Amino acid sequence: MLRLNRENLEGTKERLNYLSQSKIEKMNGQDAFNTFRDAATPLYNEHYHEFFGTLHTFAYLFDENKIITAIPGGEVLEVDFNKWVRGESIKQNVLNGYLNYF
């Protein structure tokens, strides 16, 4: 699949520049999660025809013992890790979203 390797790294540089300017390291986990799944930022990508793009976003909120995830255009699934470890099932069994692929 060498033909799919990107020779142009401008998108990568743009995302790195955005991250360095956004002060993401000072955000709480929820805000960082929302930033990565925000289609208005360069962190979110829809180049699915190039086998590259945002398929899902995850965050591990260690201080809250929670995991959050979402598919583009979908609702957020929040898992209380402590409850899950104790055997409580996750009520949601399907994640729905929308990939803007045409």
N, C-alpha and C. Protein backbone atom coordinates (compact mmCIF):
# COMPACT_ATOMS: atom_id res chain seq x y z
N MET A 1 0.81 -1.18 0.00
CA MET A 1 0.00 0.00 0.00
C MET A 1 0.87 1.26 0.00
N LEU A 2 2.04 1.15 -0.55
CA LEU A 2 2.94 2.30 -0.60
C LEU A 2 2.31 3.49 -1.32
N ARG A 3 1.45 3.21 -2.29
CA ARG A 3 0.83 4.30 -3.04
C ARG A 3 -0.04 5.19 -2.16
N LEU A 4 -0.43 4.68 -0.99
CA LEU A 4 -1.29 5.46 -0.09
C LEU A 4 -0.50 6.29 0.91
N ASN A 5 0.81 6.09 0.98
CA ASN A 5 1.63 6.92 1.88
C ASN A 5 1.57 8.36 1.41
N ARG A 6 1.38 9.24 2.33
CA ARG A 6 1.28 10.65 1.98
C ARG A 6 2.66 11.26 1.85
N GLU A 7 2.87 11.93 0.74
CA GLU A 7 4.12 12.66 0.54
C GLU A 7 4.00 14.06 1.11
N ASN A 8 2.79 14.57 1.13
CA ASN A 8 2.53 15.92 1.63
C ASN A 8 2.12 15.83 3.09
N LEU A 9 2.90 16.43 3.96
CA LEU A 9 2.62 16.37 5.40
C LEU A 9 2.05 17.68 5.93
N GLU A 10 1.53 18.52 5.04
CA GLU A 10 0.99 19.82 5.47
C GLU A 10 -0.15 19.65 6.47
N GLY A 11 -1.03 18.67 6.27
CA GLY A 11 -2.13 18.45 7.20
C GLY A 11 -1.63 18.07 8.58
N THR A 12 -0.61 17.24 8.62
CA THR A 12 0.00 16.84 9.89
C THR A 12 0.61 18.05 10.59
N LYS A 13 1.31 18.86 9.82
CA LYS A 13 1.92 20.06 10.39
C LYS A 13 0.86 21.04 10.90
N GLU A 14 -0.24 21.14 10.16
CA GLU A 14 -1.33 22.02 10.58
C GLU A 14 -1.94 21.53 11.90
N ARG A 15 -2.14 20.22 12.04
CA ARG A 15 -2.69 19.68 13.28
C ARG A 15 -1.73 19.88 14.44
N LEU A 16 -0.45 19.67 14.21
CA LEU A 16 0.55 19.86 15.25
C LEU A 16 0.60 21.33 15.68
N ASN A 17 0.55 22.23 14.73
CA ASN A 17 0.54 23.66 15.04
C ASN A 17 -0.71 24.03 15.83
N TYR A 18 -1.85 23.49 15.44
CA TYR A 18 -3.10 23.75 16.16
C TYR A 18 -2.99 23.26 17.60
N LEU A 19 -2.45 22.07 17.78
CA LEU A 19 -2.30 21.53 19.13
C LEU A 19 -1.39 22.40 19.98
N SER A 20 -0.29 22.87 19.41
CA SER A 20 0.63 23.68 20.20
C SER A 20 0.04 25.04 20.55
N GLN A 21 -0.83 25.56 19.69
CA GLN A 21 -1.46 26.86 19.96
C GLN A 21 -2.71 26.75 20.83
N SER A 22 -3.33 25.59 20.87
CA SER A 22 -4.61 25.45 21.58
C SER A 22 -4.43 25.24 23.07
N LYS A 23 -3.22 25.00 23.52
CA LYS A 23 -2.95 24.74 24.94
C LYS A 23 -3.77 23.55 25.44
N ILE A 24 -3.88 22.54 24.61
CA ILE A 24 -4.69 21.38 24.93
C ILE A 24 -4.22 20.67 26.20
N GLU A 25 -2.92 20.77 26.49
CA GLU A 25 -2.40 20.10 27.68
C GLU A 25 -2.95 20.73 28.97
N LYS A 26 -3.50 21.94 28.87
CA LYS A 26 -4.07 22.60 30.05
C LYS A 26 -5.58 22.40 30.14
N MET A 27 -6.18 21.75 29.15
CA MET A 27 -7.62 21.51 29.15
C MET A 27 -7.94 20.32 30.04
N ASN A 28 -9.17 20.29 30.54
CA ASN A 28 -9.61 19.07 31.22
C ASN A 28 -9.91 18.02 30.15
N GLY A 29 -10.08 16.79 30.56
CA GLY A 29 -10.27 15.69 29.62
C GLY A 29 -11.49 15.85 28.73
N GLN A 30 -12.58 16.32 29.29
CA GLN A 30 -13.81 16.50 28.51
C GLN A 30 -13.62 17.55 27.42
N ASP A 31 -12.97 18.67 27.75
CA ASP A 31 -12.73 19.71 26.76
C ASP A 31 -11.78 19.24 25.67
N ALA A 32 -10.75 18.50 26.04
CA ALA A 32 -9.82 17.97 25.03
C ALA A 32 -10.55 16.99 24.11
N PHE A 33 -11.38 16.13 24.69
CA PHE A 33 -12.18 15.19 23.91
C PHE A 33 -13.05 15.94 22.90
N ASN A 34 -13.74 16.98 23.37
CA ASN A 34 -14.60 17.76 22.48
C ASN A 34 -13.81 18.47 21.40
N THR A 35 -12.60 18.91 21.72
CA THR A 35 -11.76 19.56 20.72
C THR A 35 -11.37 18.59 19.62
N PHE A 36 -11.02 17.37 19.97
CA PHE A 36 -10.62 16.38 18.96
C PHE A 36 -11.79 15.95 18.09
N ARG A 37 -13.01 16.01 18.60
CA ARG A 37 -14.14 15.57 17.78
C ARG A 37 -14.88 16.71 17.11
N ASP A 38 -14.37 17.92 17.24
CA ASP A 38 -14.99 19.10 16.66
C ASP A 38 -14.59 19.21 15.18
N ALA A 39 -15.56 19.08 14.29
CA ALA A 39 -15.28 19.11 12.85
C ALA A 39 -14.73 20.46 12.40
N ALA A 40 -14.83 21.49 13.22
CA ALA A 40 -14.33 22.81 12.85
C ALA A 40 -12.83 22.95 13.10
N THR A 41 -12.21 21.95 13.73
CA THR A 41 -10.77 22.03 14.00
C THR A 41 -10.01 21.15 13.01
N PRO A 42 -8.73 21.43 12.81
CA PRO A 42 -7.93 20.58 11.91
C PRO A 42 -7.64 19.20 12.52
N LEU A 43 -7.98 19.00 13.78
CA LEU A 43 -7.77 17.70 14.41
C LEU A 43 -8.75 16.66 13.87
N TYR A 44 -9.90 17.12 13.45
CA TYR A 44 -10.94 16.27 12.89
C TYR A 44 -10.70 16.20 11.39
N ASN A 45 -10.84 15.02 10.82
CA ASN A 45 -10.49 14.86 9.41
C ASN A 45 -11.50 13.94 8.73
N GLU A 46 -11.86 14.27 7.51
CA GLU A 46 -12.82 13.47 6.74
C GLU A 46 -12.24 12.99 5.42
N HIS A 47 -10.96 12.68 5.38
CA HIS A 47 -10.34 12.19 4.14
C HIS A 47 -10.46 10.68 4.04
N TYR A 48 -11.67 10.19 4.17
CA TYR A 48 -11.91 8.75 4.17
C TYR A 48 -11.55 8.10 2.84
N HIS A 49 -11.72 8.83 1.75
CA HIS A 49 -11.36 8.28 0.43
C HIS A 49 -9.86 8.02 0.32
N GLU A 50 -9.08 8.63 1.22
CA GLU A 50 -7.63 8.41 1.27
C GLU A 50 -7.25 7.46 2.41
N PHE A 51 -8.26 6.78 2.95
CA PHE A 51 -8.06 5.88 4.09
C PHE A 51 -7.50 6.61 5.31
N PHE A 52 -7.97 7.85 5.50
CA PHE A 52 -7.52 8.66 6.62
C PHE A 52 -8.70 9.50 7.08
N GLY A 53 -8.96 9.50 8.34
CA GLY A 53 -10.04 10.34 8.85
C GLY A 53 -10.45 9.91 10.24
N THR A 54 -11.26 10.75 10.87
CA THR A 54 -11.74 10.50 12.22
C THR A 54 -12.84 9.45 12.19
N LEU A 55 -12.57 8.29 12.76
CA LEU A 55 -13.57 7.24 12.86
C LEU A 55 -14.22 7.22 14.24
N HIS A 56 -13.47 7.61 15.23
CA HIS A 56 -13.99 7.69 16.60
C HIS A 56 -13.01 8.52 17.43
N THR A 57 -13.49 8.96 18.56
CA THR A 57 -12.66 9.71 19.49
C THR A 57 -12.82 9.07 20.86
N PHE A 58 -11.73 8.86 21.55
CA PHE A 58 -11.73 8.28 22.90
C PHE A 58 -11.05 9.23 23.86
N ALA A 59 -11.49 9.20 25.10
CA ALA A 59 -10.77 9.90 26.17
C ALA A 59 -10.86 9.05 27.42
N TYR A 60 -9.79 9.01 28.14
CA TYR A 60 -9.73 8.29 29.42
C TYR A 60 -9.62 9.36 30.51
N LEU A 61 -10.66 9.52 31.28
CA LEU A 61 -10.71 10.53 32.34
C LEU A 61 -10.29 9.84 33.63
N PHE A 62 -9.00 9.78 33.85
CA PHE A 62 -8.45 9.01 34.97
C PHE A 62 -8.94 9.51 36.32
N ASP A 63 -9.03 10.81 36.49
CA ASP A 63 -9.48 11.35 37.78
C ASP A 63 -10.92 10.96 38.11
N GLU A 64 -11.72 10.72 37.07
CA GLU A 64 -13.13 10.36 37.27
C GLU A 64 -13.37 8.87 37.06
N ASN A 65 -12.33 8.13 36.68
CA ASN A 65 -12.46 6.70 36.35
C ASN A 65 -13.54 6.47 35.31
N LYS A 66 -13.49 7.27 34.24
CA LYS A 66 -14.47 7.16 33.16
C LYS A 66 -13.76 7.08 31.82
N ILE A 67 -14.43 6.45 30.90
CA ILE A 67 -13.99 6.38 29.51
C ILE A 67 -15.13 6.99 28.69
N ILE A 68 -14.79 7.88 27.77
CA ILE A 68 -15.81 8.43 26.88
C ILE A 68 -15.36 8.22 25.44
N THR A 69 -16.34 7.96 24.60
CA THR A 69 -16.06 7.73 23.18
C THR A 69 -17.24 8.20 22.36
N ALA A 70 -16.98 8.48 21.10
CA ALA A 70 -18.04 8.86 20.17
C ALA A 70 -17.58 8.61 18.75
N ILE A 71 -18.54 8.35 17.91
CA ILE A 71 -18.34 8.24 16.46
C ILE A 71 -18.74 9.59 15.88
N PRO A 72 -18.15 10.03 14.77
CA PRO A 72 -18.51 11.33 14.20
C PRO A 72 -20.03 11.50 14.06
N GLY A 73 -20.51 12.63 14.50
CA GLY A 73 -21.93 12.94 14.40
C GLY A 73 -22.80 12.17 15.37
N GLY A 74 -22.19 11.39 16.25
CA GLY A 74 -22.97 10.57 17.18
C GLY A 74 -22.93 11.09 18.60
N GLU A 75 -23.73 10.48 19.41
CA GLU A 75 -23.76 10.85 20.82
C GLU A 75 -22.57 10.22 21.54
N VAL A 76 -22.25 10.78 22.68
CA VAL A 76 -21.11 10.31 23.47
C VAL A 76 -21.54 9.14 24.35
N LEU A 77 -20.72 8.10 24.34
CA LEU A 77 -20.89 6.97 25.25
C LEU A 77 -19.93 7.18 26.41
N GLU A 78 -20.47 7.19 27.61
CA GLU A 78 -19.65 7.36 28.81
C GLU A 78 -19.72 6.07 29.62
N VAL A 79 -18.56 5.53 29.95
CA VAL A 79 -18.48 4.30 30.73
C VAL A 79 -17.83 4.60 32.07
N ASP A 80 -18.54 4.30 33.14
CA ASP A 80 -17.98 4.42 34.49
C ASP A 80 -17.14 3.17 34.71
N PHE A 81 -15.84 3.33 34.69
CA PHE A 81 -14.93 2.19 34.74
C PHE A 81 -15.11 1.38 36.03
N ASN A 82 -15.30 2.06 37.16
CA ASN A 82 -15.48 1.36 38.43
C ASN A 82 -16.70 0.45 38.41
N LYS A 83 -17.81 0.96 37.89
CA LYS A 83 -19.04 0.16 37.80
C LYS A 83 -18.84 -1.02 36.85
N TRP A 84 -18.16 -0.77 35.75
CA TRP A 84 -17.95 -1.83 34.76
C TRP A 84 -17.09 -2.94 35.35
N VAL A 85 -16.04 -2.58 36.08
CA VAL A 85 -15.16 -3.57 36.70
C VAL A 85 -15.94 -4.40 37.73
N ARG A 86 -16.89 -3.78 38.41
CA ARG A 86 -17.71 -4.49 39.39
C ARG A 86 -18.78 -5.37 38.74
N GLY A 87 -18.86 -5.35 37.42
CA GLY A 87 -19.77 -6.24 36.71
C GLY A 87 -21.01 -5.59 36.16
N GLU A 88 -21.17 -4.28 36.34
CA GLU A 88 -22.35 -3.61 35.79
C GLU A 88 -22.21 -3.49 34.28
N SER A 89 -23.21 -3.97 33.57
CA SER A 89 -23.16 -3.93 32.11
C SER A 89 -23.36 -2.52 31.59
N ILE A 90 -22.79 -2.29 30.44
CA ILE A 90 -23.01 -1.02 29.74
C ILE A 90 -24.37 -1.13 29.06
N LYS A 91 -25.24 -0.19 29.32
CA LYS A 91 -26.61 -0.25 28.80
C LYS A 91 -26.66 -0.08 27.28
N GLN A 92 -25.81 0.77 26.78
CA GLN A 92 -25.81 1.05 25.35
C GLN A 92 -25.00 -0.03 24.63
N ASN A 93 -25.58 -0.62 23.59
CA ASN A 93 -24.86 -1.67 22.88
C ASN A 93 -24.59 -1.33 21.42
N VAL A 94 -24.98 -0.12 21.02
CA VAL A 94 -24.74 0.31 19.65
C VAL A 94 -24.31 1.77 19.68
N LEU A 95 -23.32 2.11 18.87
CA LEU A 95 -22.93 3.50 18.66
C LEU A 95 -23.32 3.87 17.24
N ASN A 96 -24.09 4.91 17.11
CA ASN A 96 -24.48 5.40 15.80
C ASN A 96 -23.81 6.72 15.54
N GLY A 97 -23.46 6.93 14.31
CA GLY A 97 -22.86 8.19 13.91
C GLY A 97 -22.95 8.32 12.41
N TYR A 98 -22.22 9.25 11.87
CA TYR A 98 -22.28 9.49 10.44
C TYR A 98 -20.90 9.87 9.93
N LEU A 99 -20.38 9.11 8.96
CA LEU A 99 -19.14 9.47 8.28
C LEU A 99 -19.52 10.23 7.01
N ASN A 100 -18.97 11.39 6.85
CA ASN A 100 -19.25 12.22 5.69
C ASN A 100 -18.38 11.73 4.53
N TYR A 101 -18.76 10.59 3.99
CA TYR A 101 -17.99 9.94 2.92
C TYR A 101 -18.84 9.85 1.67
N PHE A 102 -18.34 10.41 0.59
CA PHE A 102 -19.08 10.28 -0.66
C PHE A 102 -18.20 9.98 -1.80
